Amino acid sequence: MIMGERSIRAVANFDESVRLITYANPIPNNFLLPFMKTLLLLVSLLTGYVLNTHTADYSGNWYSRSNGITMQLQQHGTVLSCHFRTADYTHEAEGPVWVNASGRQVGRWLVKRTAPDGCITFIDCRITFLSDTQMQISASAVDTNCDLPATWRETIIYERQ
């Protein structure tokens, strides 16, 4: 990698593969999130994957017993989004939800995590709806900003309230 460049992972194919996108500094963070959202949808269409428009409605409050966080999901067609706070960070998430080849409702989020000092980092989240009332989120670091280790991973179960 050339000095002065950063790399982030972006979903290039919703069937579990990830491609690396490299961009040169500086790109303002307010440009990066809309760019990544657009890229996620564009790549899915270019690879021949069409989002299923008959997904269940997952709007509402979802609570995790393991971390005590309640997320309020909003669903507009095949796009899920939420905005929530933890003790130290603000999180903004948005991404598609679809029915995969095995008939399971799944989704993908690129989460923008903002620290109180304004430091921004991104997290890749894979969502699997285990039932209409339970979802699993598997999260991993996309970059190493804000002291988030590149190897950071977390899997959390949320239940609909």
N, C-alpha and C. Protein backbone atom coordinates (compact mmCIF):
# COMPACT_ATOMS: atom_id res chain seq x y z
N MET A 1 0.84 -1.17 0.00
CA MET A 1 0.00 0.00 0.00
C MET A 1 0.89 1.23 0.00
N ILE A 2 0.52 2.25 -0.76
CA ILE A 2 1.27 3.49 -0.84
C ILE A 2 1.08 4.28 0.44
N MET A 3 2.14 4.89 0.92
CA MET A 3 2.06 5.69 2.15
C MET A 3 1.04 6.80 1.96
N GLY A 4 0.23 7.05 2.97
CA GLY A 4 -0.77 8.10 2.90
C GLY A 4 -2.12 7.60 2.41
N GLU A 5 -2.23 6.32 2.18
CA GLU A 5 -3.51 5.76 1.79
C GLU A 5 -4.08 4.97 2.94
N ARG A 6 -5.38 4.90 2.97
CA ARG A 6 -6.06 4.06 3.95
C ARG A 6 -6.92 3.08 3.20
N SER A 7 -7.20 1.97 3.82
CA SER A 7 -8.06 0.97 3.20
C SER A 7 -9.23 0.70 4.12
N ILE A 8 -10.37 0.49 3.54
CA ILE A 8 -11.54 0.06 4.29
C ILE A 8 -12.17 -1.10 3.54
N ARG A 9 -12.81 -1.97 4.30
CA ARG A 9 -13.52 -3.07 3.68
C ARG A 9 -14.93 -2.63 3.36
N ALA A 10 -15.40 -3.02 2.24
CA ALA A 10 -16.78 -2.72 1.86
C ALA A 10 -17.40 -4.00 1.32
N VAL A 11 -18.67 -4.10 1.49
CA VAL A 11 -19.34 -5.29 1.00
C VAL A 11 -19.39 -5.21 -0.51
N ALA A 12 -18.78 -6.16 -1.16
CA ALA A 12 -18.78 -6.19 -2.61
C ALA A 12 -19.76 -7.23 -3.13
N ASN A 13 -20.14 -8.13 -2.27
CA ASN A 13 -21.07 -9.17 -2.68
C ASN A 13 -21.78 -9.64 -1.42
N PHE A 14 -23.09 -9.62 -1.42
CA PHE A 14 -23.85 -9.95 -0.22
C PHE A 14 -23.74 -11.43 0.14
N ASP A 15 -23.12 -12.24 -0.69
CA ASP A 15 -22.95 -13.66 -0.41
C ASP A 15 -21.64 -13.91 0.32
N GLU A 16 -21.36 -13.09 1.32
CA GLU A 16 -20.26 -13.29 2.26
C GLU A 16 -18.89 -12.88 1.78
N SER A 17 -18.70 -12.39 0.56
CA SER A 17 -17.35 -12.00 0.17
C SER A 17 -17.17 -10.50 0.40
N VAL A 18 -15.94 -10.12 0.68
CA VAL A 18 -15.63 -8.72 0.96
C VAL A 18 -14.47 -8.32 0.06
N ARG A 19 -14.60 -7.16 -0.55
CA ARG A 19 -13.54 -6.65 -1.40
C ARG A 19 -12.91 -5.44 -0.70
N LEU A 20 -11.70 -5.17 -1.02
CA LEU A 20 -10.98 -4.06 -0.42
C LEU A 20 -11.02 -2.87 -1.36
N ILE A 21 -11.39 -1.74 -0.81
CA ILE A 21 -11.44 -0.50 -1.58
C ILE A 21 -10.40 0.43 -0.99
N THR A 22 -9.51 0.93 -1.82
CA THR A 22 -8.46 1.81 -1.35
C THR A 22 -8.72 3.20 -1.90
N TYR A 23 -8.56 4.17 -1.05
CA TYR A 23 -8.74 5.54 -1.47
C TYR A 23 -7.65 6.39 -0.83
N ALA A 24 -7.28 7.46 -1.49
CA ALA A 24 -6.22 8.33 -0.99
C ALA A 24 -6.80 9.37 -0.04
N ASN A 25 -6.03 9.77 0.94
CA ASN A 25 -6.41 10.85 1.85
C ASN A 25 -6.34 12.17 1.11
N PRO A 26 -7.02 13.20 1.46
CA PRO A 26 -8.11 13.15 2.43
C PRO A 26 -9.45 13.07 1.72
N ILE A 27 -10.33 12.21 2.20
CA ILE A 27 -11.72 12.16 1.79
C ILE A 27 -12.54 12.49 3.02
N PRO A 28 -13.37 13.52 2.95
CA PRO A 28 -14.13 13.89 4.15
C PRO A 28 -15.09 12.78 4.57
N ASN A 29 -15.22 12.58 5.88
CA ASN A 29 -16.08 11.52 6.41
C ASN A 29 -17.54 11.71 6.00
N ASN A 30 -17.98 12.96 5.81
CA ASN A 30 -19.37 13.17 5.42
C ASN A 30 -19.62 12.69 3.98
N PHE A 31 -18.56 12.44 3.23
CA PHE A 31 -18.70 11.87 1.89
C PHE A 31 -18.65 10.34 1.94
N LEU A 32 -17.90 9.80 2.87
CA LEU A 32 -17.62 8.37 2.89
C LEU A 32 -18.86 7.51 3.13
N LEU A 33 -19.69 7.83 4.12
CA LEU A 33 -20.84 7.00 4.44
C LEU A 33 -21.84 6.92 3.28
N PRO A 34 -22.27 8.06 2.68
CA PRO A 34 -23.18 7.94 1.53
C PRO A 34 -22.54 7.18 0.37
N PHE A 35 -21.24 7.37 0.16
CA PHE A 35 -20.52 6.65 -0.88
C PHE A 35 -20.58 5.15 -0.65
N MET A 36 -20.32 4.72 0.59
CA MET A 36 -20.32 3.30 0.91
C MET A 36 -21.72 2.70 0.77
N LYS A 37 -22.76 3.43 1.20
CA LYS A 37 -24.12 2.93 1.05
C LYS A 37 -24.46 2.73 -0.42
N THR A 38 -24.11 3.71 -1.24
CA THR A 38 -24.37 3.62 -2.67
C THR A 38 -23.59 2.47 -3.27
N LEU A 39 -22.34 2.31 -2.85
CA LEU A 39 -21.51 1.23 -3.36
C LEU A 39 -22.09 -0.14 -3.02
N LEU A 40 -22.59 -0.30 -1.79
CA LEU A 40 -23.18 -1.57 -1.39
C LEU A 40 -24.34 -1.96 -2.31
N LEU A 41 -25.21 -1.02 -2.58
CA LEU A 41 -26.36 -1.31 -3.43
C LEU A 41 -25.95 -1.51 -4.89
N LEU A 42 -25.03 -0.68 -5.38
CA LEU A 42 -24.59 -0.79 -6.76
C LEU A 42 -23.91 -2.12 -7.04
N VAL A 43 -23.01 -2.52 -6.16
CA VAL A 43 -22.30 -3.79 -6.36
C VAL A 43 -23.28 -4.96 -6.35
N SER A 44 -24.28 -4.89 -5.47
CA SER A 44 -25.24 -5.99 -5.42
C SER A 44 -26.01 -6.10 -6.73
N LEU A 45 -26.34 -4.97 -7.31
CA LEU A 45 -27.06 -5.00 -8.59
C LEU A 45 -26.16 -5.44 -9.73
N LEU A 46 -24.92 -4.97 -9.74
CA LEU A 46 -23.99 -5.34 -10.81
C LEU A 46 -23.62 -6.82 -10.78
N THR A 47 -23.64 -7.41 -9.61
CA THR A 47 -23.31 -8.85 -9.51
C THR A 47 -24.53 -9.72 -9.75
N GLY A 48 -25.65 -9.10 -10.10
CA GLY A 48 -26.83 -9.86 -10.43
C GLY A 48 -27.71 -10.21 -9.25
N TYR A 49 -27.39 -9.69 -8.08
CA TYR A 49 -28.19 -9.99 -6.90
C TYR A 49 -29.30 -8.94 -6.79
N VAL A 50 -30.53 -9.38 -6.82
CA VAL A 50 -31.67 -8.47 -6.71
C VAL A 50 -32.26 -8.60 -5.32
N LEU A 51 -32.43 -7.50 -4.65
CA LEU A 51 -32.98 -7.53 -3.30
C LEU A 51 -34.44 -7.97 -3.33
N ASN A 52 -34.80 -8.83 -2.41
CA ASN A 52 -36.16 -9.33 -2.30
C ASN A 52 -37.03 -8.25 -1.67
N THR A 53 -38.12 -7.89 -2.29
CA THR A 53 -38.97 -6.82 -1.77
C THR A 53 -40.05 -7.36 -0.83
N HIS A 54 -40.05 -8.66 -0.56
CA HIS A 54 -41.08 -9.24 0.30
C HIS A 54 -40.52 -9.66 1.65
N THR A 55 -39.68 -8.83 2.24
CA THR A 55 -39.14 -9.14 3.55
C THR A 55 -40.14 -8.73 4.62
N ALA A 56 -40.03 -9.36 5.77
CA ALA A 56 -40.89 -9.02 6.90
C ALA A 56 -40.56 -7.62 7.38
N ASP A 57 -41.47 -7.01 8.14
CA ASP A 57 -41.23 -5.68 8.70
C ASP A 57 -40.58 -5.83 10.07
N TYR A 58 -39.36 -5.34 10.20
CA TYR A 58 -38.62 -5.45 11.46
C TYR A 58 -38.56 -4.13 12.22
N SER A 59 -39.39 -3.17 11.85
CA SER A 59 -39.42 -1.89 12.56
C SER A 59 -39.80 -2.12 14.02
N GLY A 60 -39.24 -1.28 14.89
CA GLY A 60 -39.58 -1.35 16.31
C GLY A 60 -38.35 -1.40 17.19
N ASN A 61 -38.58 -1.61 18.48
CA ASN A 61 -37.50 -1.64 19.45
C ASN A 61 -36.94 -3.06 19.59
N TRP A 62 -35.62 -3.15 19.59
CA TRP A 62 -34.89 -4.40 19.75
C TRP A 62 -33.91 -4.22 20.90
N TYR A 63 -33.89 -5.18 21.83
CA TYR A 63 -33.10 -5.07 23.06
C TYR A 63 -32.12 -6.23 23.17
N SER A 64 -30.89 -5.92 23.61
CA SER A 64 -29.89 -6.95 23.87
C SER A 64 -29.69 -7.08 25.37
N ARG A 65 -29.90 -8.28 25.87
CA ARG A 65 -29.65 -8.53 27.30
C ARG A 65 -28.17 -8.48 27.62
N SER A 66 -27.32 -8.85 26.66
CA SER A 66 -25.88 -8.92 26.93
C SER A 66 -25.23 -7.55 27.10
N ASN A 67 -25.72 -6.53 26.39
CA ASN A 67 -25.10 -5.21 26.52
C ASN A 67 -26.06 -4.12 27.00
N GLY A 68 -27.34 -4.46 27.18
CA GLY A 68 -28.31 -3.51 27.69
C GLY A 68 -28.72 -2.42 26.71
N ILE A 69 -28.41 -2.59 25.44
CA ILE A 69 -28.71 -1.56 24.43
C ILE A 69 -30.06 -1.85 23.78
N THR A 70 -30.85 -0.79 23.64
CA THR A 70 -32.09 -0.86 22.87
C THR A 70 -31.89 -0.07 21.59
N MET A 71 -32.17 -0.71 20.47
CA MET A 71 -32.10 -0.05 19.17
C MET A 71 -33.52 0.07 18.63
N GLN A 72 -33.83 1.23 18.08
CA GLN A 72 -35.12 1.39 17.42
C GLN A 72 -34.87 1.30 15.92
N LEU A 73 -35.34 0.20 15.32
CA LEU A 73 -35.17 0.00 13.88
C LEU A 73 -36.30 0.66 13.12
N GLN A 74 -35.94 1.25 11.99
CA GLN A 74 -36.92 1.76 11.04
C GLN A 74 -36.68 1.02 9.74
N GLN A 75 -37.77 0.55 9.13
CA GLN A 75 -37.64 -0.15 7.86
C GLN A 75 -38.46 0.56 6.81
N HIS A 76 -37.82 0.83 5.68
CA HIS A 76 -38.47 1.45 4.53
C HIS A 76 -38.20 0.54 3.34
N GLY A 77 -39.18 -0.30 3.01
CA GLY A 77 -38.99 -1.27 1.94
C GLY A 77 -37.95 -2.29 2.36
N THR A 78 -36.85 -2.36 1.62
CA THR A 78 -35.79 -3.32 1.91
C THR A 78 -34.60 -2.66 2.62
N VAL A 79 -34.79 -1.48 3.20
CA VAL A 79 -33.70 -0.79 3.89
C VAL A 79 -34.03 -0.65 5.37
N LEU A 80 -33.10 -1.14 6.21
CA LEU A 80 -33.21 -1.01 7.66
C LEU A 80 -32.25 0.07 8.14
N SER A 81 -32.70 0.89 9.08
CA SER A 81 -31.80 1.89 9.64
C SER A 81 -32.08 2.04 11.13
N CYS A 82 -31.10 2.57 11.84
CA CYS A 82 -31.27 2.89 13.25
C CYS A 82 -30.20 3.88 13.67
N HIS A 83 -30.46 4.54 14.77
CA HIS A 83 -29.55 5.51 15.38
C HIS A 83 -29.63 5.23 16.87
N PHE A 84 -28.50 4.96 17.52
CA PHE A 84 -28.53 4.70 18.95
C PHE A 84 -27.24 5.16 19.61
N ARG A 85 -27.31 5.33 20.93
CA ARG A 85 -26.16 5.76 21.72
C ARG A 85 -25.77 4.68 22.70
N THR A 86 -24.47 4.58 22.93
CA THR A 86 -23.96 3.79 24.04
C THR A 86 -23.32 4.79 25.00
N ALA A 87 -22.68 4.31 26.03
CA ALA A 87 -22.08 5.22 27.01
C ALA A 87 -21.08 6.18 26.36
N ASP A 88 -20.32 5.69 25.38
CA ASP A 88 -19.25 6.51 24.82
C ASP A 88 -19.40 6.89 23.35
N TYR A 89 -20.35 6.30 22.64
CA TYR A 89 -20.41 6.51 21.19
C TYR A 89 -21.84 6.71 20.70
N THR A 90 -21.93 7.39 19.56
CA THR A 90 -23.17 7.50 18.81
C THR A 90 -23.01 6.60 17.59
N HIS A 91 -24.05 5.82 17.27
CA HIS A 91 -23.99 4.90 16.14
C HIS A 91 -25.10 5.24 15.15
N GLU A 92 -24.78 5.27 13.87
CA GLU A 92 -25.75 5.43 12.80
C GLU A 92 -25.58 4.25 11.86
N ALA A 93 -26.68 3.54 11.60
CA ALA A 93 -26.59 2.34 10.77
C ALA A 93 -27.68 2.36 9.72
N GLU A 94 -27.33 1.86 8.54
CA GLU A 94 -28.32 1.72 7.47
C GLU A 94 -27.81 0.68 6.49
N GLY A 95 -28.74 -0.11 5.98
CA GLY A 95 -28.37 -1.09 4.96
C GLY A 95 -29.54 -1.94 4.54
N PRO A 96 -29.33 -2.76 3.52
CA PRO A 96 -30.41 -3.57 2.97
C PRO A 96 -30.72 -4.82 3.79
N VAL A 97 -31.93 -5.30 3.64
CA VAL A 97 -32.35 -6.59 4.20
C VAL A 97 -32.97 -7.37 3.05
N TRP A 98 -32.73 -8.68 3.02
CA TRP A 98 -33.23 -9.50 1.92
C TRP A 98 -33.40 -10.93 2.39
N VAL A 99 -33.95 -11.76 1.52
CA VAL A 99 -34.09 -13.18 1.79
C VAL A 99 -32.96 -13.87 1.04
N ASN A 100 -32.11 -14.61 1.77
CA ASN A 100 -30.97 -15.26 1.11
C ASN A 100 -31.41 -16.55 0.42
N ALA A 101 -30.46 -17.23 -0.19
CA ALA A 101 -30.76 -18.43 -0.97
C ALA A 101 -31.39 -19.55 -0.15
N SER A 102 -31.10 -19.58 1.16
CA SER A 102 -31.68 -20.63 2.01
C SER A 102 -33.02 -20.20 2.62
N GLY A 103 -33.52 -19.02 2.21
CA GLY A 103 -34.82 -18.56 2.67
C GLY A 103 -34.79 -17.79 3.98
N ARG A 104 -33.62 -17.51 4.51
CA ARG A 104 -33.49 -16.78 5.77
C ARG A 104 -33.41 -15.27 5.51
N GLN A 105 -34.06 -14.49 6.36
CA GLN A 105 -34.00 -13.03 6.26
C GLN A 105 -32.66 -12.58 6.82
N VAL A 106 -31.89 -11.87 6.02
CA VAL A 106 -30.58 -11.39 6.43
C VAL A 106 -30.43 -9.92 6.04
N GLY A 107 -29.39 -9.28 6.55
CA GLY A 107 -29.15 -7.88 6.23
C GLY A 107 -27.69 -7.53 6.41
N ARG A 108 -27.36 -6.34 6.00
CA ARG A 108 -25.98 -5.86 6.10
C ARG A 108 -26.01 -4.37 6.41
N TRP A 109 -25.22 -3.97 7.39
CA TRP A 109 -25.11 -2.56 7.77
C TRP A 109 -23.67 -2.11 7.70
N LEU A 110 -23.47 -0.89 7.31
CA LEU A 110 -22.22 -0.19 7.53
C LEU A 110 -22.55 0.82 8.62
N VAL A 111 -21.95 0.66 9.79
CA VAL A 111 -22.27 1.48 10.95
C VAL A 111 -21.21 2.56 11.10
N LYS A 112 -21.65 3.80 11.22
CA LYS A 112 -20.77 4.93 11.51
C LYS A 112 -20.80 5.14 13.02
N ARG A 113 -19.63 4.99 13.67
CA ARG A 113 -19.52 5.14 15.12
C ARG A 113 -18.73 6.41 15.41
N THR A 114 -19.34 7.33 16.15
CA THR A 114 -18.72 8.62 16.44
C THR A 114 -18.45 8.76 17.93
N ALA A 115 -17.19 9.06 18.27
CA ALA A 115 -16.79 9.28 19.66
C ALA A 115 -17.12 10.71 20.08
N PRO A 116 -17.16 10.99 21.39
CA PRO A 116 -17.44 12.35 21.87
C PRO A 116 -16.48 13.40 21.31
N ASP A 117 -15.23 13.01 21.01
CA ASP A 117 -14.27 13.97 20.47
C ASP A 117 -14.40 14.15 18.95
N GLY A 118 -15.40 13.47 18.34
CA GLY A 118 -15.64 13.60 16.91
C GLY A 118 -14.93 12.55 16.07
N CYS A 119 -14.12 11.70 16.67
CA CYS A 119 -13.43 10.65 15.94
C CYS A 119 -14.46 9.67 15.37
N ILE A 120 -14.32 9.33 14.09
CA ILE A 120 -15.28 8.46 13.40
C ILE A 120 -14.59 7.17 12.97
N THR A 121 -15.26 6.07 13.20
CA THR A 121 -14.81 4.77 12.72
C THR A 121 -16.01 4.03 12.14
N PHE A 122 -15.76 3.02 11.32
CA PHE A 122 -16.83 2.28 10.68
C PHE A 122 -16.79 0.82 11.11
N ILE A 123 -17.97 0.23 11.22
CA ILE A 123 -18.14 -1.16 11.63
C ILE A 123 -19.03 -1.86 10.61
N ASP A 124 -18.62 -3.04 10.20
CA ASP A 124 -19.40 -3.87 9.27
C ASP A 124 -20.26 -4.82 10.09
N CYS A 125 -21.57 -4.81 9.86
CA CYS A 125 -22.49 -5.68 10.62
C CYS A 125 -23.27 -6.57 9.68
N ARG A 126 -23.24 -7.86 9.97
CA ARG A 126 -24.05 -8.85 9.25
C ARG A 126 -25.21 -9.21 10.17
N ILE A 127 -26.41 -9.11 9.65
CA ILE A 127 -27.61 -9.33 10.44
C ILE A 127 -28.28 -10.61 9.96
N THR A 128 -28.66 -11.45 10.91
CA THR A 128 -29.42 -12.65 10.60
C THR A 128 -30.65 -12.65 11.50
N PHE A 129 -31.83 -12.70 10.90
CA PHE A 129 -33.06 -12.77 11.69
C PHE A 129 -33.32 -14.24 11.97
N LEU A 130 -33.17 -14.60 13.23
CA LEU A 130 -33.36 -15.98 13.66
C LEU A 130 -34.84 -16.34 13.73
N SER A 131 -35.67 -15.31 13.95
CA SER A 131 -37.12 -15.44 13.97
C SER A 131 -37.69 -14.03 13.81
N ASP A 132 -39.01 -13.90 13.88
CA ASP A 132 -39.61 -12.56 13.81
C ASP A 132 -39.31 -11.73 15.05
N THR A 133 -38.84 -12.39 16.11
CA THR A 133 -38.60 -11.69 17.38
C THR A 133 -37.15 -11.74 17.85
N GLN A 134 -36.26 -12.31 17.05
CA GLN A 134 -34.87 -12.43 17.48
C GLN A 134 -33.92 -12.24 16.28
N MET A 135 -32.90 -11.41 16.47
CA MET A 135 -31.89 -11.23 15.42
C MET A 135 -30.49 -11.32 16.03
N GLN A 136 -29.57 -11.76 15.20
CA GLN A 136 -28.17 -11.84 15.58
C GLN A 136 -27.38 -10.86 14.73
N ILE A 137 -26.55 -10.06 15.37
CA ILE A 137 -25.68 -9.13 14.66
C ILE A 137 -24.24 -9.55 14.90
N SER A 138 -23.53 -9.80 13.82
CA SER A 138 -22.10 -10.11 13.88
C SER A 138 -21.36 -8.89 13.35
N ALA A 139 -20.62 -8.22 14.24
CA ALA A 139 -19.95 -6.97 13.89
C ALA A 139 -18.44 -7.16 13.84
N SER A 140 -17.80 -6.41 12.94
CA SER A 140 -16.34 -6.45 12.86
C SER A 140 -15.82 -5.07 12.45
N ALA A 141 -14.60 -4.79 12.87
CA ALA A 141 -13.97 -3.50 12.56
C ALA A 141 -13.71 -3.39 11.06
N VAL A 142 -13.92 -2.20 10.53
CA VAL A 142 -13.62 -1.91 9.14
C VAL A 142 -12.29 -1.15 9.06
N ASP A 143 -12.08 -0.27 10.01
CA ASP A 143 -10.83 0.49 10.06
C ASP A 143 -10.32 0.47 11.50
N THR A 144 -9.21 1.12 11.74
CA THR A 144 -8.64 1.14 13.09
C THR A 144 -8.69 2.53 13.71
N ASN A 145 -9.58 3.36 13.23
CA ASN A 145 -9.74 4.70 13.80
C ASN A 145 -10.26 4.61 15.23
N CYS A 146 -10.01 5.64 16.00
CA CYS A 146 -10.55 5.78 17.36
C CYS A 146 -10.17 4.61 18.26
N ASP A 147 -8.99 4.06 18.06
CA ASP A 147 -8.46 2.97 18.88
C ASP A 147 -9.27 1.68 18.79
N LEU A 148 -10.02 1.48 17.72
CA LEU A 148 -10.73 0.22 17.52
C LEU A 148 -9.75 -0.76 16.86
N PRO A 149 -9.41 -1.84 17.53
CA PRO A 149 -8.45 -2.79 16.94
C PRO A 149 -8.98 -3.41 15.65
N ALA A 150 -8.11 -3.63 14.70
CA ALA A 150 -8.50 -4.22 13.41
C ALA A 150 -9.09 -5.61 13.59
N THR A 151 -8.75 -6.28 14.67
CA THR A 151 -9.24 -7.64 14.92
C THR A 151 -10.52 -7.66 15.75
N TRP A 152 -11.09 -6.50 16.06
CA TRP A 152 -12.30 -6.45 16.90
C TRP A 152 -13.47 -7.14 16.21
N ARG A 153 -14.12 -8.04 16.94
CA ARG A 153 -15.31 -8.77 16.47
C ARG A 153 -16.27 -8.90 17.65
N GLU A 154 -17.57 -8.91 17.34
CA GLU A 154 -18.57 -9.08 18.39
C GLU A 154 -19.83 -9.65 17.77
N THR A 155 -20.46 -10.58 18.46
CA THR A 155 -21.75 -11.13 18.03
C THR A 155 -22.73 -10.91 19.17
N ILE A 156 -23.88 -10.31 18.83
CA ILE A 156 -24.87 -9.93 19.83
C ILE A 156 -26.24 -10.41 19.37
N ILE A 157 -27.04 -10.91 20.31
CA ILE A 157 -28.43 -11.29 20.03
C ILE A 157 -29.34 -10.17 20.54
N TYR A 158 -30.27 -9.75 19.70
CA TYR A 158 -31.27 -8.76 20.07
C TYR A 158 -32.65 -9.40 19.99
N GLU A 159 -33.54 -8.99 20.88
CA GLU A 159 -34.91 -9.48 20.87
C GLU A 159 -35.88 -8.32 20.70
N ARG A 160 -36.91 -8.56 19.90
CA ARG A 160 -37.93 -7.53 19.68
C ARG A 160 -38.70 -7.31 20.97
N GLN A 161 -38.94 -6.05 21.30
CA GLN A 161 -39.71 -5.73 22.51
C GLN A 161 -41.15 -5.44 22.15
